[in-house]
Every structure is written in C-alpha cells, then in structure tokens.
Amino acid sequence: MSQHGYYKTQVALVKAVVMLCRPLIRLLIEKGITFPQFRELMKELYVEVADKEFSLDDKKPSDSRVFVLTGVHRKDIKRIRQQSELADVKITSSASLSGEIVARWTSMPEYLDEKGAPRQLPKSAKADEAGFEQLVSSVSKDVRPKVILEEWLRLGIVRLKGDHVVLNKSAFVTNKEFKEMAYYLGHNVHDHMASCVSNILESEDPMLERSVYYACLTESSVNELNAIASKKGEELLQQINKQAIKLYDADKDKDNANYRMRLGIYWYQAHLDSVQDTSKESE
C-alpha cells in the first residue's frame, strides 16, 4: 500500500474510532472515570495487546519493539510490565473527585451529625463553619463548588433543602443491576467489535455482522419496527439457544471442545443529528 493509501486508511479508522468512542466517553464521564484514569488504562492495554498479539517466533516482544508498535514510552512499558495483570488493577475512590468529596462528607467529624450520618450542609457557611463550599475546597481548589453542586443535582447525588445541601443516601449504594449491565456491556460489545475487527483484518471467512438502517421515520414507525425486531429477535435467540444446549450437551466432554460463540441482537433509535443523516442502508 502506498503512503497516501496508508494515510487514507488511518483517517478512515480514526473517524470510526471517534464515533464508537463517543457513547463510551459519555458513560465514563457520567460514572466519574476521568481522562487521566482512562489514559493510564489505554497505556496498559496497548502494552498488553502488543505483548499478546505481536510476538515474534513465540517470544515476548522487547521493550523497544513495544515502543515502536505503540508509541508508549519505554519507562512506562517497563513499569506496566512489572505491575500485576490488568485484571488486578483496582480503580480507587481517590481517583475520582466526586468520590473524594463524598468520602470526606461521610467520614469527617465536622460533616457528620450526632448520629454519625452525613449532615445537611449550608451551601455557603462562615469561615469557622463546615459548609458545602468548604467541603469541596478542602478536596480541590481547581473547581468551583457551584459547578460540583450543579452536576450533583443533575445526577441526583444531592438535593436542596432551603439553603442546605443534602446527600442522598441512595446515590452511592452499590447497584447490583448496574454491575450486571456493565458486565454485559464489556462482553457483548467486545465480541461485536472483535467480529468487526476480524472482518477488516482477515479477508477469508468473514463473521456475521449486519445491520439495517433507515432515517426520516416518524416515532410511530420506529416503534412499529421496534416491535417487529423485538419479536423476531427473541424468536431467533430462543431457536439458537435450544440448538446450542443440545450441541453443548453433546460436545462438552470432547477433547476438542475449545470454541465459544455469541450471537447478539441490538436496537437503537434516536433523533437525527443533522439533516444530512437521511440515508438508508442495509449492511
């Protein structure tokens, strides 16, 4: 491929990556995963993938080779390789500004009532009092307390009671349902993306990856199509599941039973982002 052709390929890929990352970045911001955290995670992933997928003669690539492949600095490569596996890396609450503020509010004596519970804080208190502004400033002076308050009100982390800020007890309770949804987000989207990447990099035996797209539809028409997709999609999944159970029972004790599969069905609808998004396609 010529240098010009290679450049055009990179441009097309970057456009696709920007599009697929937008909803992910929205989720990360919503849940308090900051850019520095994400940047460090990406460094670790670049090194991990380079180690796993780009070995030569079954030998682990050198730090220099990983640097050439990834652009990650050699000192970071060495540090990352010396750390525990990525699965063991824990994101601590101190990495999140909101987490730090809430941790202080729920543990420091000046922010607790006589029962040891987070007390209502005045939005702005005197210098010798413990108020919401003082709480935020005690953690970071780089962001205005008003900005934190507005965002927390939007997220439902706090509520206002007159001139006081009240921490909602349910705001930071562990949500088992969210954990389950996050689990399937990772596994389902991973396999969908892995299918797409395989089809781009491998010219033979492409995996099933199809969609139907239409724009310029009314809400009622979209709802009608959604009902059809839900019914037919459920029928397909049940059919595949029944057959998969039979095959699993027959295969599970075989020595060569070392493959896995996933069939996913998804639906998405939204208002058009622009008047240009009016095409229809079946991919």
Protein backbone atom coordinates (compact mmCIF):
# COMPACT_ATOMS: atom_id res chain seq x y z
CA MET A 1 0.00 0.00 0.00
CA SER A 2 1.33 3.46 -0.88
CA GLN A 3 1.99 6.05 1.81
CA HIS A 4 -1.03 8.05 0.60
CA GLY A 5 -3.23 4.97 0.74
CA TYR A 6 -1.97 4.12 4.23
CA TYR A 7 -2.75 7.67 5.40
CA LYS A 8 -6.29 7.47 3.99
CA THR A 9 -6.78 4.16 5.79
CA GLN A 10 -5.70 5.71 9.10
CA VAL A 11 -8.02 8.69 8.60
CA ALA A 12 -10.98 6.40 7.95
CA LEU A 13 -10.13 4.31 11.01
CA VAL A 14 -9.77 7.35 13.26
CA LYS A 15 -13.20 8.61 12.17
CA ALA A 16 -14.72 5.24 13.03
CA VAL A 17 -12.96 5.13 16.42
CA VAL A 18 -14.17 8.64 17.30
CA MET A 19 -17.75 7.60 16.52
CA LEU A 20 -17.68 4.36 18.50
CA CYS A 21 -15.96 6.04 21.49
CA ARG A 22 -18.49 8.86 21.93
CA PRO A 23 -21.06 6.83 23.91
CA LEU A 24 -18.27 5.18 25.90
CA ILE A 25 -16.77 8.55 26.89
CA ARG A 26 -20.23 9.76 27.88
CA LEU A 27 -20.60 6.74 30.18
CA LEU A 28 -17.14 7.22 31.68
CA ILE A 29 -17.78 10.90 32.46
CA GLU A 30 -21.20 10.08 33.90
CA LYS A 31 -19.67 7.49 36.23
CA GLY A 32 -16.67 9.54 37.31
CA ILE A 33 -13.91 7.86 35.29
CA THR A 34 -11.58 10.73 34.46
CA PHE A 35 -9.28 11.24 31.48
CA PRO A 36 -6.08 10.58 33.49
CA GLN A 37 -7.53 7.23 34.59
CA PHE A 38 -8.58 6.38 31.03
CA ARG A 39 -5.19 7.45 29.64
CA GLU A 40 -3.35 5.15 32.05
CA LEU A 41 -5.72 2.31 31.21
CA MET A 42 -5.05 2.80 27.50
CA LYS A 43 -1.29 2.66 28.07
CA GLU A 44 -1.70 -0.65 29.87
CA LEU A 45 -3.93 -2.04 27.15
CA TYR A 46 -1.57 -1.00 24.36
CA VAL A 47 1.29 -2.84 26.09
CA GLU A 48 -0.90 -5.87 26.88
CA VAL A 49 -2.16 -6.24 23.29
CA ALA A 50 1.32 -5.71 21.83
CA ASP A 51 2.67 -8.45 24.13
CA LYS A 52 -0.11 -10.87 23.23
CA GLU A 53 -0.72 -10.23 19.54
CA PHE A 54 2.64 -9.07 18.13
CA SER A 55 5.19 -11.58 19.37
CA LEU A 56 7.93 -12.84 17.05
CA ASP A 57 8.79 -16.55 17.00
CA ASP A 58 6.61 -17.01 20.10
CA LYS A 59 8.92 -14.69 22.03
CA LYS A 60 7.63 -11.79 24.07
CA PRO A 61 8.47 -8.54 22.24
CA SER A 62 11.19 -6.39 23.73
CA ASP A 63 10.51 -3.03 25.34
CA SER A 64 11.96 -1.36 22.25
CA ARG A 65 9.68 -3.28 19.91
CA VAL A 66 6.62 -2.45 22.04
CA PHE A 67 7.69 1.20 21.94
CA VAL A 68 7.85 1.11 18.13
CA LEU A 69 4.47 -0.61 17.89
CA THR A 70 2.59 1.50 20.43
CA GLY A 71 4.40 4.79 20.98
CA VAL A 72 4.20 4.20 24.75
CA HIS A 73 7.37 5.45 26.47
CA ARG A 74 9.89 2.77 27.40
CA LYS A 75 9.84 3.65 31.10
CA ASP A 76 6.05 3.23 31.12
CA ILE A 77 6.35 -0.09 29.28
CA LYS A 78 8.80 -1.36 31.89
CA ARG A 79 6.61 -0.14 34.75
CA ILE A 80 3.45 -1.65 33.28
CA ARG A 81 5.13 -5.00 32.66
CA GLN A 82 6.27 -5.08 36.28
CA GLN A 83 2.79 -4.44 37.61
CA SER A 84 0.17 -7.03 38.31
CA GLU A 85 -2.08 -8.17 35.48
CA LEU A 86 -4.63 -5.64 34.23
CA ALA A 87 -7.49 -7.58 35.80
CA ASP A 88 -5.97 -6.96 39.23
CA VAL A 89 -5.75 -3.21 38.82
CA LYS A 90 -8.34 -1.53 41.02
CA ILE A 91 -9.75 1.94 40.48
CA THR A 92 -9.79 3.59 43.87
CA SER A 93 -12.29 6.15 45.04
CA SER A 94 -9.47 8.68 45.48
CA ALA A 95 -9.09 8.82 41.71
CA SER A 96 -12.47 10.46 41.41
CA LEU A 97 -13.06 13.99 42.64
CA SER A 98 -16.67 13.21 43.49
CA GLY A 99 -15.59 10.09 45.34
CA GLU A 100 -13.11 12.07 47.42
CA ILE A 101 -15.68 14.71 48.34
CA VAL A 102 -18.30 12.14 49.33
CA ALA A 103 -15.73 10.12 51.28
CA ARG A 104 -14.86 13.21 53.30
CA TRP A 105 -18.52 14.15 53.79
CA THR A 106 -19.36 10.69 55.11
CA SER A 107 -16.34 10.27 57.40
CA MET A 108 -15.01 13.58 58.71
CA PRO A 109 -16.49 14.57 62.12
CA GLU A 110 -17.17 18.19 61.09
CA TYR A 111 -19.54 16.98 58.34
CA LEU A 112 -21.42 14.43 60.45
CA ASP A 113 -24.40 14.83 62.78
CA GLU A 114 -24.70 13.45 66.32
CA LYS A 115 -25.68 10.02 64.92
CA GLY A 116 -22.61 9.84 62.68
CA ALA A 117 -24.60 10.36 59.46
CA PRO A 118 -23.72 12.96 56.78
CA ARG A 119 -25.45 16.14 57.91
CA GLN A 120 -27.12 18.80 55.80
CA LEU A 121 -24.54 21.38 54.81
CA PRO A 122 -25.21 25.07 54.22
CA LYS A 123 -24.30 25.99 50.65
CA SER A 124 -22.10 28.77 51.95
CA ALA A 125 -21.03 28.92 55.57
CA LYS A 126 -18.85 31.22 57.62
CA ALA A 127 -15.11 30.68 57.76
CA ASP A 128 -15.30 28.75 61.04
CA GLU A 129 -18.19 26.55 59.87
CA ALA A 130 -18.25 23.40 57.77
CA GLY A 131 -20.39 24.05 54.68
CA PHE A 132 -20.64 22.61 51.19
CA GLU A 133 -18.24 25.15 49.67
CA GLN A 134 -15.69 24.43 52.38
CA LEU A 135 -16.09 20.70 51.80
CA VAL A 136 -15.37 20.96 48.08
CA SER A 137 -12.50 23.39 48.60
CA SER A 138 -10.92 21.06 51.16
CA VAL A 139 -10.57 18.45 48.39
CA SER A 140 -9.78 20.64 45.38
CA LYS A 141 -9.39 24.33 44.73
CA ASP A 142 -9.27 23.79 40.96
CA VAL A 143 -13.03 23.55 40.54
CA ARG A 144 -15.74 25.85 41.87
CA PRO A 145 -18.15 24.34 44.42
CA LYS A 146 -21.05 25.72 42.35
CA VAL A 147 -20.01 23.55 39.39
CA ILE A 148 -19.90 20.43 41.60
CA LEU A 149 -23.29 21.28 43.12
CA GLU A 150 -24.97 21.77 39.73
CA GLU A 151 -23.59 18.46 38.43
CA TRP A 152 -24.55 16.57 41.58
CA LEU A 153 -28.08 17.95 41.43
CA ARG A 154 -28.32 16.73 37.83
CA LEU A 155 -27.09 13.26 38.79
CA GLY A 156 -29.33 13.06 41.86
CA ILE A 157 -26.38 12.71 44.23
CA VAL A 158 -27.68 15.59 46.36
CA ARG A 159 -30.86 17.64 46.77
CA LEU A 160 -31.51 21.12 48.10
CA LYS A 161 -33.46 21.77 51.28
CA GLY A 162 -33.73 25.51 51.57
CA ASP A 163 -30.20 26.88 51.73
CA HIS A 164 -28.76 23.50 52.66
CA VAL A 165 -27.33 20.65 50.56
CA VAL A 166 -28.45 17.13 51.46
CA LEU A 167 -26.58 13.99 50.40
CA ASN A 168 -28.96 11.36 49.02
CA LYS A 169 -28.36 8.07 50.79
CA SER A 170 -29.13 6.03 47.68
CA ALA A 171 -26.66 7.94 45.48
CA PHE A 172 -23.65 5.76 46.30
CA VAL A 173 -25.26 2.47 47.23
CA THR A 174 -23.75 -0.44 45.26
CA ASN A 175 -26.07 -1.25 42.38
CA LYS A 176 -26.00 -4.95 41.51
CA GLU A 177 -28.09 -4.32 38.40
CA PHE A 178 -25.56 -1.75 37.16
CA LYS A 179 -22.70 -4.20 37.73
CA GLU A 180 -24.53 -6.82 35.70
CA MET A 181 -25.24 -4.35 32.88
CA ALA A 182 -21.60 -3.22 32.90
CA TYR A 183 -20.51 -6.86 32.67
CA TYR A 184 -22.59 -7.46 29.55
CA LEU A 185 -21.53 -4.11 28.11
CA GLY A 186 -17.94 -5.31 28.18
CA HIS A 187 -18.58 -8.84 26.91
CA ASN A 188 -21.25 -8.12 24.30
CA VAL A 189 -19.61 -5.06 22.80
CA HIS A 190 -16.19 -6.75 22.91
CA ASP A 191 -17.41 -9.64 20.81
CA HIS A 192 -19.29 -7.37 18.41
CA MET A 193 -16.21 -5.21 17.92
CA ALA A 194 -13.93 -8.24 17.70
CA SER A 195 -16.15 -9.54 14.90
CA CYS A 196 -15.84 -6.24 13.02
CA VAL A 197 -12.07 -6.09 13.53
CA SER A 198 -11.67 -9.69 12.36
CA ASN A 199 -13.62 -8.90 9.19
CA ILE A 200 -11.34 -5.91 8.49
CA LEU A 201 -8.07 -7.73 9.15
CA GLU A 202 -8.97 -11.17 7.80
CA SER A 203 -10.00 -11.49 4.15
CA GLU A 204 -11.37 -15.04 4.37
CA ASP A 205 -14.40 -16.42 6.21
CA PRO A 206 -15.95 -13.14 7.41
CA MET A 207 -18.08 -13.35 10.54
CA LEU A 208 -21.74 -12.40 10.56
CA GLU A 209 -22.03 -8.63 11.16
CA ARG A 210 -25.06 -7.00 9.58
CA SER A 211 -27.46 -4.16 10.32
CA VAL A 212 -30.42 -2.37 8.77
CA TYR A 213 -30.51 1.43 8.94
CA TYR A 214 -33.25 3.90 7.99
CA ALA A 215 -33.69 7.58 8.75
CA CYS A 216 -36.50 10.11 8.23
CA LEU A 217 -39.07 7.97 10.05
CA THR A 218 -41.81 9.04 12.45
CA GLU A 219 -41.77 7.91 16.07
CA SER A 220 -44.76 5.63 15.46
CA SER A 221 -43.00 3.96 12.53
CA VAL A 222 -39.87 3.42 14.60
CA ASN A 223 -41.98 1.92 17.40
CA GLU A 224 -43.64 -0.41 14.89
CA LEU A 225 -40.26 -1.60 13.61
CA ASN A 226 -39.02 -1.98 17.18
CA ALA A 227 -41.92 -4.29 18.00
CA ILE A 228 -41.16 -6.45 14.97
CA ALA A 229 -37.43 -6.55 15.79
CA SER A 230 -38.12 -7.48 19.43
CA LYS A 231 -40.47 -10.32 18.47
CA LYS A 232 -38.34 -11.76 15.66
CA GLY A 233 -35.11 -11.22 17.60
CA GLU A 234 -36.44 -13.09 20.62
CA GLU A 235 -37.60 -15.95 18.39
CA LEU A 236 -34.15 -16.22 16.80
CA LEU A 237 -32.33 -16.16 20.14
CA GLN A 238 -34.60 -18.84 21.57
CA GLN A 239 -34.10 -21.02 18.50
CA ILE A 240 -30.31 -20.67 18.67
CA ASN A 241 -30.36 -21.26 22.42
CA LYS A 242 -32.32 -24.52 22.11
CA GLN A 243 -29.95 -25.87 19.47
CA ALA A 244 -26.89 -24.66 21.40
CA ILE A 245 -27.99 -26.56 24.51
CA LYS A 246 -28.24 -29.79 22.51
CA LEU A 247 -24.83 -29.26 20.92
CA TYR A 248 -23.26 -28.31 24.26
CA ASP A 249 -24.52 -31.47 25.94
CA ALA A 250 -23.05 -33.50 23.06
CA ASP A 251 -19.72 -31.62 22.92
CA LYS A 252 -18.80 -30.66 26.48
CA ASP A 253 -16.74 -33.78 27.23
CA LYS A 254 -14.87 -33.85 23.90
CA ASP A 255 -11.16 -33.01 23.84
CA ASN A 256 -11.61 -30.50 21.00
CA ALA A 257 -14.49 -28.62 22.64
CA ASN A 258 -12.47 -25.40 22.87
CA TYR A 259 -14.55 -22.87 20.92
CA ARG A 260 -17.10 -20.32 22.07
CA MET A 261 -19.72 -18.23 20.29
CA ARG A 262 -22.03 -15.31 20.92
CA LEU A 263 -24.99 -14.12 18.85
CA GLY A 264 -26.20 -10.66 19.76
CA ILE A 265 -29.14 -8.56 18.66
CA TYR A 266 -29.34 -4.85 19.37
CA TRP A 267 -31.70 -1.98 18.67
CA TYR A 268 -31.01 1.75 18.78
CA GLN A 269 -33.17 4.76 17.98
CA ALA A 270 -32.66 8.50 18.34
CA HIS A 271 -33.49 11.85 16.77
CA LEU A 272 -31.48 12.69 13.67
CA ASP A 273 -28.30 14.58 14.48
CA SER A 274 -28.41 16.55 11.23
CA VAL A 275 -30.41 16.91 8.04
CA GLN A 276 -27.58 15.13 6.22
CA ASP A 277 -28.27 11.90 8.12
CA THR A 278 -31.10 10.85 5.83
CA SER A 279 -29.67 7.84 4.05
CA LYS A 280 -30.95 4.31 4.20
CA GLU A 281 -28.76 1.28 4.11
CA SER A 282 -28.59 -2.42 4.74
CA GLU A 283 -25.13 -3.54 5.74
